[in-house]
Amino acid sequence: MKNIIIICLTVLCFNLGAKELSIGDDIVGLNYRLNNIDGKNLSISDLKKENGILVIFSCNTCPWVVRWQDRYNSIAKTCDDNGVGFVAVNSNARLHDSVDSIEEMIKHARINKYSFPYAMDQNAKLAKAFGAAKTPHVYLFNSDGKLFYKGAIDDNAKSAKKVKNNYLKDALDALGRNEKIALSSTKALGCSIKF
């Protein structure tokens, strides 16, 4: 019985992913192949720009993603303005044959007028490597591939107009100006990634 419990706990820990990356850690999974909605395979390495890369673990149906959905395109613009690459990554492997299939991702991106890559992470390999747990879950890396900011997009999922702290925008702007930020880590709020 004890061996069965140990095996179950080991499998559970593997499915939940590795220990989450900490601020200052090197980016992992740079060359993992992701299936973008345009039919091309891409990697974080392909998308990284001169000042870094932003990875947001996202999906189609999580109520938290839906609440923040109206900010994704402005995030993409802020990334462009600051020389930072951007990709939204769907790691809901358990749902890749249903509501988070590539076909549903294409529809979701079209409805929401995505102006950035939206890619499927087969078997949640990238999410596990990052130790990501939520959708949305934000990871911003600098030009040296070091984790610069992680956590939430801002402090008000319900209303962009009522945001008091633009965590991600502040981090992107600081990265673009090569400045330090006061708050480099916040709590990611959202649905659990369906490994």
N, C-alpha and C. Protein backbone atom coordinates (compact mmCIF):
# COMPACT_ATOMS: atom_id res chain seq x y z
N MET A 1 0.82 -1.20 0.00
CA MET A 1 0.00 0.00 0.00
C MET A 1 0.86 1.26 0.00
N LYS A 2 1.92 1.23 0.82
CA LYS A 2 2.81 2.39 0.91
C LYS A 2 3.45 2.68 -0.45
N ASN A 3 3.87 1.62 -1.17
CA ASN A 3 4.47 1.79 -2.50
C ASN A 3 3.48 2.38 -3.50
N ILE A 4 2.23 1.98 -3.41
CA ILE A 4 1.20 2.52 -4.31
C ILE A 4 1.02 4.01 -4.06
N ILE A 5 0.99 4.42 -2.81
CA ILE A 5 0.84 5.84 -2.46
C ILE A 5 2.03 6.64 -3.00
N ILE A 6 3.22 6.12 -2.84
CA ILE A 6 4.43 6.80 -3.32
C ILE A 6 4.38 6.94 -4.84
N ILE A 7 3.98 5.88 -5.54
CA ILE A 7 3.89 5.92 -7.00
C ILE A 7 2.84 6.96 -7.42
N CYS A 8 1.68 6.97 -6.76
CA CYS A 8 0.62 7.94 -7.09
C CYS A 8 1.10 9.38 -6.87
N LEU A 9 1.78 9.62 -5.76
CA LEU A 9 2.30 10.96 -5.48
C LEU A 9 3.35 11.37 -6.51
N THR A 10 4.19 10.43 -6.92
CA THR A 10 5.21 10.72 -7.93
C THR A 10 4.55 11.09 -9.26
N VAL A 11 3.54 10.33 -9.67
CA VAL A 11 2.84 10.62 -10.92
C VAL A 11 2.14 11.97 -10.83
N LEU A 12 1.49 12.24 -9.69
CA LEU A 12 0.81 13.53 -9.50
C LEU A 12 1.80 14.68 -9.61
N CYS A 13 2.94 14.58 -8.94
CA CYS A 13 3.95 15.65 -9.01
C CYS A 13 4.46 15.83 -10.42
N PHE A 14 4.67 14.72 -11.15
CA PHE A 14 5.14 14.83 -12.54
C PHE A 14 4.11 15.56 -13.39
N ASN A 15 2.83 15.22 -13.20
CA ASN A 15 1.77 15.84 -13.99
C ASN A 15 1.60 17.31 -13.67
N LEU A 16 1.89 17.70 -12.46
CA LEU A 16 1.75 19.11 -12.10
C LEU A 16 2.92 19.93 -12.59
N GLY A 17 3.98 19.28 -13.00
CA GLY A 17 5.12 20.01 -13.55
C GLY A 17 6.26 20.16 -12.57
N ALA A 18 7.29 20.81 -13.04
CA ALA A 18 8.50 21.01 -12.24
C ALA A 18 8.28 22.16 -11.27
N LYS A 19 9.26 22.37 -10.43
CA LYS A 19 9.25 23.51 -9.53
C LYS A 19 9.18 24.77 -10.39
N GLU A 20 8.37 25.72 -9.96
CA GLU A 20 8.20 26.94 -10.75
C GLU A 20 9.49 27.75 -10.82
N LEU A 21 9.71 28.32 -11.99
CA LEU A 21 10.87 29.19 -12.17
C LEU A 21 10.81 30.35 -11.19
N SER A 22 11.97 30.77 -10.73
CA SER A 22 12.10 31.91 -9.82
C SER A 22 12.68 33.10 -10.57
N ILE A 23 12.45 34.29 -10.06
CA ILE A 23 13.00 35.50 -10.67
C ILE A 23 14.52 35.34 -10.78
N GLY A 24 15.05 35.65 -11.96
CA GLY A 24 16.48 35.51 -12.22
C GLY A 24 16.87 34.18 -12.83
N ASP A 25 15.95 33.20 -12.82
CA ASP A 25 16.25 31.90 -13.43
C ASP A 25 16.35 32.03 -14.94
N ASP A 26 17.14 31.14 -15.55
CA ASP A 26 17.26 31.08 -17.01
C ASP A 26 15.98 30.51 -17.62
N ILE A 27 15.64 31.00 -18.78
CA ILE A 27 14.50 30.46 -19.52
C ILE A 27 14.79 29.01 -19.88
N VAL A 28 13.76 28.20 -19.86
CA VAL A 28 13.88 26.79 -20.24
C VAL A 28 12.97 26.54 -21.43
N GLY A 29 13.20 25.45 -22.13
CA GLY A 29 12.33 25.08 -23.24
C GLY A 29 12.41 25.99 -24.44
N LEU A 30 13.53 26.69 -24.61
CA LEU A 30 13.68 27.63 -25.72
C LEU A 30 13.39 27.01 -27.08
N ASN A 31 13.73 25.75 -27.24
CA ASN A 31 13.58 25.12 -28.55
C ASN A 31 12.47 24.09 -28.63
N TYR A 32 11.60 24.04 -27.60
CA TYR A 32 10.43 23.17 -27.69
C TYR A 32 9.59 23.64 -28.87
N ARG A 33 9.10 22.72 -29.65
CA ARG A 33 8.27 23.08 -30.81
C ARG A 33 6.81 23.23 -30.35
N LEU A 34 6.23 24.36 -30.69
CA LEU A 34 4.84 24.67 -30.38
C LEU A 34 4.07 24.78 -31.69
N ASN A 35 2.82 24.33 -31.69
CA ASN A 35 1.99 24.38 -32.90
C ASN A 35 1.18 25.66 -32.90
N ASN A 36 1.58 26.61 -33.75
CA ASN A 36 0.88 27.89 -33.81
C ASN A 36 -0.42 27.75 -34.61
N ILE A 37 -1.36 28.65 -34.37
CA ILE A 37 -2.65 28.57 -35.06
C ILE A 37 -2.55 28.80 -36.56
N ASP A 38 -1.42 29.34 -37.03
CA ASP A 38 -1.25 29.54 -38.48
C ASP A 38 -0.72 28.28 -39.17
N GLY A 39 -0.58 27.19 -38.41
CA GLY A 39 -0.12 25.93 -38.98
C GLY A 39 1.38 25.74 -38.93
N LYS A 40 2.11 26.76 -38.51
CA LYS A 40 3.56 26.65 -38.43
C LYS A 40 3.99 26.21 -37.03
N ASN A 41 5.11 25.50 -36.99
CA ASN A 41 5.73 25.17 -35.71
C ASN A 41 6.68 26.30 -35.36
N LEU A 42 6.68 26.69 -34.11
CA LEU A 42 7.58 27.75 -33.68
C LEU A 42 8.11 27.42 -32.30
N SER A 43 9.08 28.20 -31.87
CA SER A 43 9.66 28.01 -30.54
C SER A 43 9.82 29.37 -29.87
N ILE A 44 10.05 29.35 -28.58
CA ILE A 44 10.31 30.58 -27.84
C ILE A 44 11.54 31.28 -28.44
N SER A 45 12.51 30.49 -28.82
CA SER A 45 13.73 31.03 -29.43
C SER A 45 13.41 31.81 -30.70
N ASP A 46 12.47 31.31 -31.51
CA ASP A 46 12.07 31.98 -32.75
C ASP A 46 11.42 33.34 -32.47
N LEU A 47 10.73 33.46 -31.36
CA LEU A 47 9.92 34.64 -31.07
C LEU A 47 10.62 35.69 -30.21
N LYS A 48 11.69 35.30 -29.55
CA LYS A 48 12.40 36.23 -28.66
C LYS A 48 12.95 37.40 -29.47
N LYS A 49 12.74 38.62 -28.95
CA LYS A 49 13.27 39.82 -29.61
C LYS A 49 14.43 40.38 -28.80
N GLU A 50 14.93 41.54 -29.23
CA GLU A 50 16.16 42.09 -28.63
C GLU A 50 16.07 42.32 -27.13
N ASN A 51 14.88 42.64 -26.60
CA ASN A 51 14.75 42.90 -25.16
C ASN A 51 14.12 41.77 -24.38
N GLY A 52 13.77 40.67 -25.06
CA GLY A 52 13.26 39.52 -24.32
C GLY A 52 12.04 38.88 -24.95
N ILE A 53 11.33 38.11 -24.12
CA ILE A 53 10.16 37.36 -24.56
C ILE A 53 9.14 37.29 -23.42
N LEU A 54 7.87 37.44 -23.78
CA LEU A 54 6.76 37.27 -22.85
C LEU A 54 6.01 36.01 -23.23
N VAL A 55 5.81 35.14 -22.26
CA VAL A 55 5.01 33.92 -22.45
C VAL A 55 3.84 34.01 -21.49
N ILE A 56 2.63 33.93 -22.04
CA ILE A 56 1.43 33.86 -21.20
C ILE A 56 0.78 32.51 -21.44
N PHE A 57 0.68 31.71 -20.39
CA PHE A 57 -0.07 30.46 -20.49
C PHE A 57 -1.54 30.83 -20.45
N SER A 58 -2.27 30.42 -21.48
CA SER A 58 -3.64 30.84 -21.68
C SER A 58 -4.46 29.67 -22.18
N CYS A 59 -5.70 29.93 -22.56
CA CYS A 59 -6.57 28.90 -23.12
C CYS A 59 -7.79 29.58 -23.72
N ASN A 60 -8.81 28.81 -24.07
CA ASN A 60 -10.00 29.36 -24.71
C ASN A 60 -11.14 29.67 -23.75
N THR A 61 -11.27 28.90 -22.68
CA THR A 61 -12.52 28.93 -21.91
C THR A 61 -12.40 29.32 -20.45
N CYS A 62 -11.24 29.39 -19.89
CA CYS A 62 -11.11 29.72 -18.48
C CYS A 62 -11.75 31.09 -18.21
N PRO A 63 -12.63 31.21 -17.23
CA PRO A 63 -13.27 32.50 -16.94
C PRO A 63 -12.27 33.61 -16.62
N TRP A 64 -11.14 33.27 -16.04
CA TRP A 64 -10.11 34.28 -15.74
C TRP A 64 -9.46 34.80 -17.01
N VAL A 65 -9.20 33.90 -17.95
CA VAL A 65 -8.66 34.32 -19.25
C VAL A 65 -9.68 35.22 -19.95
N VAL A 66 -10.94 34.80 -19.94
CA VAL A 66 -11.99 35.57 -20.59
C VAL A 66 -12.07 36.98 -19.99
N ARG A 67 -11.90 37.10 -18.69
CA ARG A 67 -11.95 38.41 -18.04
C ARG A 67 -10.80 39.32 -18.49
N TRP A 68 -9.62 38.73 -18.69
CA TRP A 68 -8.45 39.52 -19.09
C TRP A 68 -8.31 39.62 -20.61
N GLN A 69 -9.16 38.91 -21.34
CA GLN A 69 -9.06 38.79 -22.78
C GLN A 69 -8.95 40.14 -23.50
N ASP A 70 -9.66 41.14 -23.02
CA ASP A 70 -9.68 42.44 -23.69
C ASP A 70 -8.34 43.17 -23.60
N ARG A 71 -7.40 42.65 -22.83
CA ARG A 71 -6.10 43.31 -22.66
C ARG A 71 -4.99 42.65 -23.47
N TYR A 72 -5.23 41.49 -24.03
CA TYR A 72 -4.17 40.75 -24.73
C TYR A 72 -3.58 41.53 -25.90
N ASN A 73 -4.42 42.14 -26.73
CA ASN A 73 -3.87 42.86 -27.88
C ASN A 73 -3.08 44.09 -27.46
N SER A 74 -3.50 44.78 -26.40
CA SER A 74 -2.71 45.92 -25.93
C SER A 74 -1.40 45.44 -25.30
N ILE A 75 -1.41 44.26 -24.70
CA ILE A 75 -0.17 43.67 -24.19
C ILE A 75 0.78 43.41 -25.37
N ALA A 76 0.25 42.87 -26.46
CA ALA A 76 1.07 42.60 -27.64
C ALA A 76 1.68 43.89 -28.17
N LYS A 77 0.89 44.97 -28.18
CA LYS A 77 1.40 46.28 -28.64
C LYS A 77 2.49 46.79 -27.72
N THR A 78 2.29 46.66 -26.40
CA THR A 78 3.31 47.09 -25.44
C THR A 78 4.59 46.28 -25.61
N CYS A 79 4.45 45.00 -25.92
CA CYS A 79 5.62 44.16 -26.20
C CYS A 79 6.36 44.71 -27.42
N ASP A 80 5.63 44.96 -28.49
CA ASP A 80 6.25 45.50 -29.72
C ASP A 80 6.96 46.81 -29.43
N ASP A 81 6.30 47.70 -28.68
CA ASP A 81 6.88 49.01 -28.37
C ASP A 81 8.17 48.90 -27.56
N ASN A 82 8.33 47.78 -26.84
CA ASN A 82 9.49 47.61 -25.97
C ASN A 82 10.48 46.55 -26.46
N GLY A 83 10.32 46.12 -27.71
CA GLY A 83 11.26 45.15 -28.28
C GLY A 83 11.23 43.80 -27.61
N VAL A 84 10.03 43.36 -27.24
CA VAL A 84 9.85 42.08 -26.55
C VAL A 84 8.94 41.19 -27.40
N GLY A 85 9.33 39.95 -27.61
CA GLY A 85 8.49 38.99 -28.31
C GLY A 85 7.34 38.56 -27.41
N PHE A 86 6.29 37.99 -28.01
CA PHE A 86 5.12 37.59 -27.23
C PHE A 86 4.46 36.37 -27.85
N VAL A 87 4.07 35.43 -26.98
CA VAL A 87 3.28 34.28 -27.40
C VAL A 87 2.34 33.90 -26.28
N ALA A 88 1.10 33.57 -26.64
CA ALA A 88 0.15 32.96 -25.72
C ALA A 88 0.22 31.46 -25.99
N VAL A 89 0.32 30.68 -24.92
CA VAL A 89 0.54 29.24 -25.05
C VAL A 89 -0.60 28.49 -24.37
N ASN A 90 -1.22 27.59 -25.11
CA ASN A 90 -2.30 26.76 -24.57
C ASN A 90 -1.72 25.41 -24.19
N SER A 91 -1.63 25.17 -22.88
CA SER A 91 -1.04 23.93 -22.36
C SER A 91 -2.08 23.00 -21.76
N ASN A 92 -3.35 23.24 -22.00
CA ASN A 92 -4.42 22.40 -21.45
C ASN A 92 -4.48 21.07 -22.20
N ALA A 93 -3.45 20.24 -22.03
CA ALA A 93 -3.30 19.00 -22.79
C ALA A 93 -4.52 18.09 -22.68
N ARG A 94 -5.12 18.04 -21.52
CA ARG A 94 -6.29 17.17 -21.32
C ARG A 94 -7.48 17.63 -22.17
N LEU A 95 -7.48 18.89 -22.59
CA LEU A 95 -8.59 19.45 -23.37
C LEU A 95 -8.24 19.72 -24.82
N HIS A 96 -7.05 19.28 -25.26
CA HIS A 96 -6.62 19.55 -26.64
C HIS A 96 -7.44 18.81 -27.69
N ASP A 97 -8.26 17.85 -27.25
CA ASP A 97 -9.15 17.16 -28.19
C ASP A 97 -10.58 17.69 -28.12
N SER A 98 -10.79 18.77 -27.34
CA SER A 98 -12.15 19.30 -27.21
C SER A 98 -12.12 20.83 -27.25
N VAL A 99 -12.45 21.50 -26.15
CA VAL A 99 -12.59 22.96 -26.14
C VAL A 99 -11.29 23.71 -26.35
N ASP A 100 -10.15 23.05 -26.19
CA ASP A 100 -8.86 23.68 -26.43
C ASP A 100 -8.11 23.03 -27.59
N SER A 101 -8.86 22.50 -28.55
CA SER A 101 -8.25 21.94 -29.76
C SER A 101 -7.68 23.06 -30.61
N ILE A 102 -6.84 22.73 -31.55
CA ILE A 102 -6.26 23.74 -32.44
C ILE A 102 -7.36 24.45 -33.24
N GLU A 103 -8.38 23.70 -33.62
CA GLU A 103 -9.50 24.31 -34.37
C GLU A 103 -10.21 25.34 -33.51
N GLU A 104 -10.45 25.01 -32.24
CA GLU A 104 -11.11 25.94 -31.32
C GLU A 104 -10.20 27.13 -31.01
N MET A 105 -8.90 26.90 -30.95
CA MET A 105 -7.95 28.00 -30.73
C MET A 105 -7.99 28.98 -31.90
N ILE A 106 -8.07 28.45 -33.12
CA ILE A 106 -8.15 29.30 -34.32
C ILE A 106 -9.40 30.18 -34.25
N LYS A 107 -10.54 29.58 -33.91
CA LYS A 107 -11.79 30.34 -33.79
C LYS A 107 -11.67 31.40 -32.69
N HIS A 108 -11.13 30.99 -31.56
CA HIS A 108 -10.98 31.89 -30.41
C HIS A 108 -10.11 33.10 -30.78
N ALA A 109 -9.02 32.84 -31.46
CA ALA A 109 -8.11 33.92 -31.88
C ALA A 109 -8.78 34.86 -32.88
N ARG A 110 -9.56 34.29 -33.80
CA ARG A 110 -10.25 35.13 -34.79
C ARG A 110 -11.30 36.01 -34.13
N ILE A 111 -12.10 35.43 -33.24
CA ILE A 111 -13.15 36.19 -32.54
C ILE A 111 -12.54 37.33 -31.73
N ASN A 112 -11.40 37.06 -31.09
CA ASN A 112 -10.77 38.06 -30.22
C ASN A 112 -9.71 38.89 -30.94
N LYS A 113 -9.60 38.70 -32.26
CA LYS A 113 -8.70 39.50 -33.11
C LYS A 113 -7.26 39.49 -32.59
N TYR A 114 -6.78 38.28 -32.27
CA TYR A 114 -5.40 38.17 -31.78
C TYR A 114 -4.42 38.71 -32.82
N SER A 115 -3.48 39.49 -32.36
CA SER A 115 -2.44 40.06 -33.23
C SER A 115 -1.07 39.49 -32.87
N PHE A 116 -1.04 38.28 -32.35
CA PHE A 116 0.18 37.66 -31.84
C PHE A 116 0.04 36.15 -31.97
N PRO A 117 1.14 35.41 -31.87
CA PRO A 117 1.06 33.96 -31.95
C PRO A 117 0.29 33.35 -30.77
N TYR A 118 -0.53 32.36 -31.08
CA TYR A 118 -1.27 31.59 -30.08
C TYR A 118 -0.97 30.13 -30.41
N ALA A 119 -0.23 29.46 -29.53
CA ALA A 119 0.33 28.16 -29.87
C ALA A 119 -0.07 27.07 -28.87
N MET A 120 -0.19 25.86 -29.40
CA MET A 120 -0.50 24.70 -28.57
C MET A 120 0.79 24.06 -28.07
N ASP A 121 0.80 23.78 -26.79
CA ASP A 121 1.92 23.13 -26.11
C ASP A 121 1.55 21.66 -25.91
N GLN A 122 1.93 20.82 -26.89
CA GLN A 122 1.60 19.39 -26.82
C GLN A 122 2.11 18.78 -25.53
N ASN A 123 1.24 18.04 -24.85
CA ASN A 123 1.57 17.36 -23.59
C ASN A 123 2.02 18.32 -22.49
N ALA A 124 1.72 19.61 -22.66
CA ALA A 124 2.04 20.63 -21.65
C ALA A 124 3.53 20.62 -21.28
N LYS A 125 4.36 20.31 -22.24
CA LYS A 125 5.80 20.19 -21.99
C LYS A 125 6.41 21.52 -21.52
N LEU A 126 6.04 22.63 -22.16
CA LEU A 126 6.59 23.93 -21.78
C LEU A 126 6.06 24.36 -20.41
N ALA A 127 4.77 24.19 -20.18
CA ALA A 127 4.18 24.55 -18.89
C ALA A 127 4.84 23.78 -17.76
N LYS A 128 5.08 22.51 -17.97
CA LYS A 128 5.75 21.70 -16.94
C LYS A 128 7.18 22.19 -16.70
N ALA A 129 7.87 22.55 -17.77
CA ALA A 129 9.25 23.03 -17.63
C ALA A 129 9.31 24.35 -16.85
N PHE A 130 8.32 25.21 -17.07
CA PHE A 130 8.26 26.50 -16.36
C PHE A 130 7.76 26.33 -14.93
N GLY A 131 7.01 25.25 -14.69
CA GLY A 131 6.33 25.10 -13.40
C GLY A 131 5.07 25.94 -13.36
N ALA A 132 4.53 26.27 -14.53
CA ALA A 132 3.31 27.08 -14.61
C ALA A 132 2.13 26.27 -14.09
N ALA A 133 1.17 26.96 -13.47
CA ALA A 133 0.05 26.26 -12.87
C ALA A 133 -1.31 26.82 -13.28
N LYS A 134 -1.35 28.04 -13.77
CA LYS A 134 -2.64 28.73 -14.00
C LYS A 134 -2.78 29.23 -15.43
N THR A 135 -4.01 29.56 -15.77
CA THR A 135 -4.29 30.34 -16.97
C THR A 135 -5.14 31.53 -16.53
N PRO A 136 -4.70 32.74 -16.78
CA PRO A 136 -3.41 33.12 -17.37
C PRO A 136 -2.29 33.11 -16.33
N HIS A 137 -1.11 32.78 -16.78
CA HIS A 137 0.11 32.80 -15.95
C HIS A 137 1.20 33.42 -16.80
N VAL A 138 1.76 34.52 -16.33
CA VAL A 138 2.66 35.37 -17.10
C VAL A 138 4.12 35.12 -16.71
N TYR A 139 4.98 35.00 -17.74
CA TYR A 139 6.43 34.88 -17.54
C TYR A 139 7.13 35.81 -18.53
N LEU A 140 7.83 36.80 -18.01
CA LEU A 140 8.55 37.77 -18.83
C LEU A 140 10.04 37.61 -18.61
N PHE A 141 10.77 37.35 -19.70
CA PHE A 141 12.22 37.15 -19.65
C PHE A 141 12.92 38.32 -20.34
N ASN A 142 14.09 38.69 -19.80
CA ASN A 142 14.85 39.80 -20.39
C ASN A 142 15.72 39.32 -21.55
N SER A 143 16.54 40.20 -22.08
CA SER A 143 17.36 39.88 -23.26
C SER A 143 18.38 38.79 -22.98
N ASP A 144 18.76 38.62 -21.71
CA ASP A 144 19.70 37.57 -21.33
C ASP A 144 19.00 36.25 -21.04
N GLY A 145 17.67 36.21 -21.22
CA GLY A 145 16.92 34.99 -20.95
C GLY A 145 16.69 34.72 -19.48
N LYS A 146 16.77 35.77 -18.65
CA LYS A 146 16.54 35.64 -17.21
C LYS A 146 15.10 36.06 -16.91
N LEU A 147 14.45 35.34 -16.00
CA LEU A 147 13.08 35.67 -15.63
C LEU A 147 13.06 37.01 -14.91
N PHE A 148 12.33 37.96 -15.48
CA PHE A 148 12.29 39.35 -15.02
C PHE A 148 11.02 39.64 -14.21
N TYR A 149 9.91 39.03 -14.65
CA TYR A 149 8.62 39.21 -13.96
C TYR A 149 7.79 37.95 -14.17
N LYS A 150 7.00 37.58 -13.14
CA LYS A 150 6.06 36.47 -13.28
C LYS A 150 4.84 36.74 -12.43
N GLY A 151 3.71 36.19 -12.86
CA GLY A 151 2.50 36.30 -12.06
C GLY A 151 1.28 36.72 -12.86
N ALA A 152 0.60 37.77 -12.36
CA ALA A 152 -0.65 38.25 -12.93
C ALA A 152 -0.43 39.38 -13.93
N ILE A 153 -1.42 39.63 -14.75
CA ILE A 153 -1.39 40.72 -15.73
C ILE A 153 -1.53 42.07 -15.03
N ASP A 154 -2.53 42.16 -14.17
CA ASP A 154 -2.76 43.39 -13.39
C ASP A 154 -3.58 43.02 -12.17
N ASP A 155 -4.10 44.02 -11.46
CA ASP A 155 -4.81 43.75 -10.21
C ASP A 155 -6.33 43.73 -10.33
N ASN A 156 -6.89 43.73 -11.56
CA ASN A 156 -8.33 43.72 -11.69
C ASN A 156 -8.75 42.96 -12.94
N ALA A 157 -9.02 41.68 -12.77
CA ALA A 157 -9.43 40.86 -13.90
C ALA A 157 -10.78 41.29 -14.46
N LYS A 158 -11.65 41.81 -13.61
CA LYS A 158 -13.01 42.14 -14.04
C LYS A 158 -13.10 43.38 -14.91
N SER A 159 -12.24 44.37 -14.66
CA SER A 159 -12.39 45.63 -15.38
C SER A 159 -11.06 46.30 -15.65
N ALA A 160 -10.73 46.46 -16.92
CA ALA A 160 -9.50 47.16 -17.31
C ALA A 160 -9.53 48.61 -16.84
N LYS A 161 -10.72 49.20 -16.79
CA LYS A 161 -10.85 50.61 -16.36
C LYS A 161 -10.58 50.80 -14.87
N LYS A 162 -10.71 49.73 -14.09
CA LYS A 162 -10.53 49.84 -12.63
C LYS A 162 -9.17 49.35 -12.16
N VAL A 163 -8.27 49.06 -13.09
CA VAL A 163 -6.93 48.60 -12.73
C VAL A 163 -6.17 49.71 -12.02
N LYS A 164 -5.59 49.37 -10.88
CA LYS A 164 -4.75 50.32 -10.14
C LYS A 164 -3.27 49.99 -10.32
N ASN A 165 -2.98 48.70 -10.50
CA ASN A 165 -1.59 48.27 -10.66
C ASN A 165 -1.44 47.44 -11.93
N ASN A 166 -0.79 47.99 -12.92
CA ASN A 166 -0.54 47.33 -14.20
C ASN A 166 0.78 46.57 -14.13
N TYR A 167 0.79 45.47 -13.39
CA TYR A 167 2.04 44.75 -13.13
C TYR A 167 2.82 44.44 -14.40
N LEU A 168 2.15 43.82 -15.36
CA LEU A 168 2.84 43.39 -16.57
C LEU A 168 3.27 44.57 -17.44
N LYS A 169 2.39 45.54 -17.64
CA LYS A 169 2.75 46.71 -18.45
C LYS A 169 3.94 47.44 -17.82
N ASP A 170 3.91 47.61 -16.50
CA ASP A 170 5.02 48.26 -15.81
C ASP A 170 6.32 47.49 -16.01
N ALA A 171 6.24 46.16 -15.94
CA ALA A 171 7.43 45.33 -16.14
C ALA A 171 7.94 45.43 -17.57
N LEU A 172 7.02 45.41 -18.55
CA LEU A 172 7.42 45.54 -19.95
C LEU A 172 8.08 46.88 -20.23
N ASP A 173 7.49 47.95 -19.70
CA ASP A 173 8.06 49.28 -19.91
C ASP A 173 9.44 49.40 -19.25
N ALA A 174 9.58 48.84 -18.05
CA ALA A 174 10.88 48.86 -17.36
C ALA A 174 11.91 48.06 -18.15
N LEU A 175 11.50 46.93 -18.68
CA LEU A 175 12.41 46.11 -19.48
C LEU A 175 12.85 46.86 -20.73
N GLY A 176 11.92 47.55 -21.37
CA GLY A 176 12.25 48.33 -22.56
C GLY A 176 13.21 49.48 -22.28
N ARG A 177 13.16 50.01 -21.06
CA ARG A 177 14.05 51.10 -20.66
C ARG A 177 15.31 50.60 -19.94
N ASN A 178 15.42 49.27 -19.82
CA ASN A 178 16.55 48.65 -19.13
C ASN A 178 16.63 49.11 -17.66
N GLU A 179 15.47 49.15 -17.02
CA GLU A 179 15.38 49.56 -15.62
C GLU A 179 14.93 48.39 -14.76
N LYS A 180 15.17 48.48 -13.47
CA LYS A 180 14.69 47.48 -12.52
C LYS A 180 13.24 47.79 -12.18
N ILE A 181 12.54 46.78 -11.67
CA ILE A 181 11.17 47.00 -11.23
C ILE A 181 11.07 46.70 -9.74
N ALA A 182 10.14 47.38 -9.07
CA ALA A 182 9.96 47.19 -7.64
C ALA A 182 9.27 45.86 -7.35
N LEU A 183 8.31 45.48 -8.19
CA LEU A 183 7.53 44.27 -7.97
C LEU A 183 7.76 43.29 -9.12
N SER A 184 8.56 42.27 -8.86
CA SER A 184 8.91 41.34 -9.93
C SER A 184 8.10 40.05 -9.90
N SER A 185 7.30 39.87 -8.87
CA SER A 185 6.51 38.65 -8.77
C SER A 185 5.18 38.94 -8.09
N THR A 186 4.09 38.48 -8.70
CA THR A 186 2.77 38.58 -8.11
C THR A 186 2.11 37.22 -8.19
N LYS A 187 0.99 37.07 -7.53
CA LYS A 187 0.27 35.79 -7.56
C LYS A 187 -0.56 35.69 -8.83
N ALA A 188 -0.35 34.62 -9.58
CA ALA A 188 -1.15 34.37 -10.77
C ALA A 188 -2.52 33.88 -10.31
N LEU A 189 -3.57 34.51 -10.84
CA LEU A 189 -4.94 34.12 -10.53
C LEU A 189 -5.53 33.51 -11.78
N GLY A 190 -6.18 32.37 -11.63
CA GLY A 190 -6.79 31.77 -12.79
C GLY A 190 -7.18 30.33 -12.57
N CYS A 191 -7.53 29.68 -13.66
CA CYS A 191 -7.88 28.25 -13.63
C CYS A 191 -6.62 27.42 -13.66
N SER A 192 -6.68 26.23 -13.13
CA SER A 192 -5.51 25.35 -13.17
C SER A 192 -5.31 24.85 -14.60
N ILE A 193 -4.04 24.71 -14.98
CA ILE A 193 -3.73 24.13 -16.29
C ILE A 193 -4.14 22.66 -16.24
N LYS A 194 -4.80 22.19 -17.29
CA LYS A 194 -5.31 20.82 -17.35
C LYS A 194 -4.26 19.90 -17.98
N PHE A 195 -3.33 19.44 -17.14
CA PHE A 195 -2.22 18.60 -17.62
C PHE A 195 -2.71 17.26 -18.11
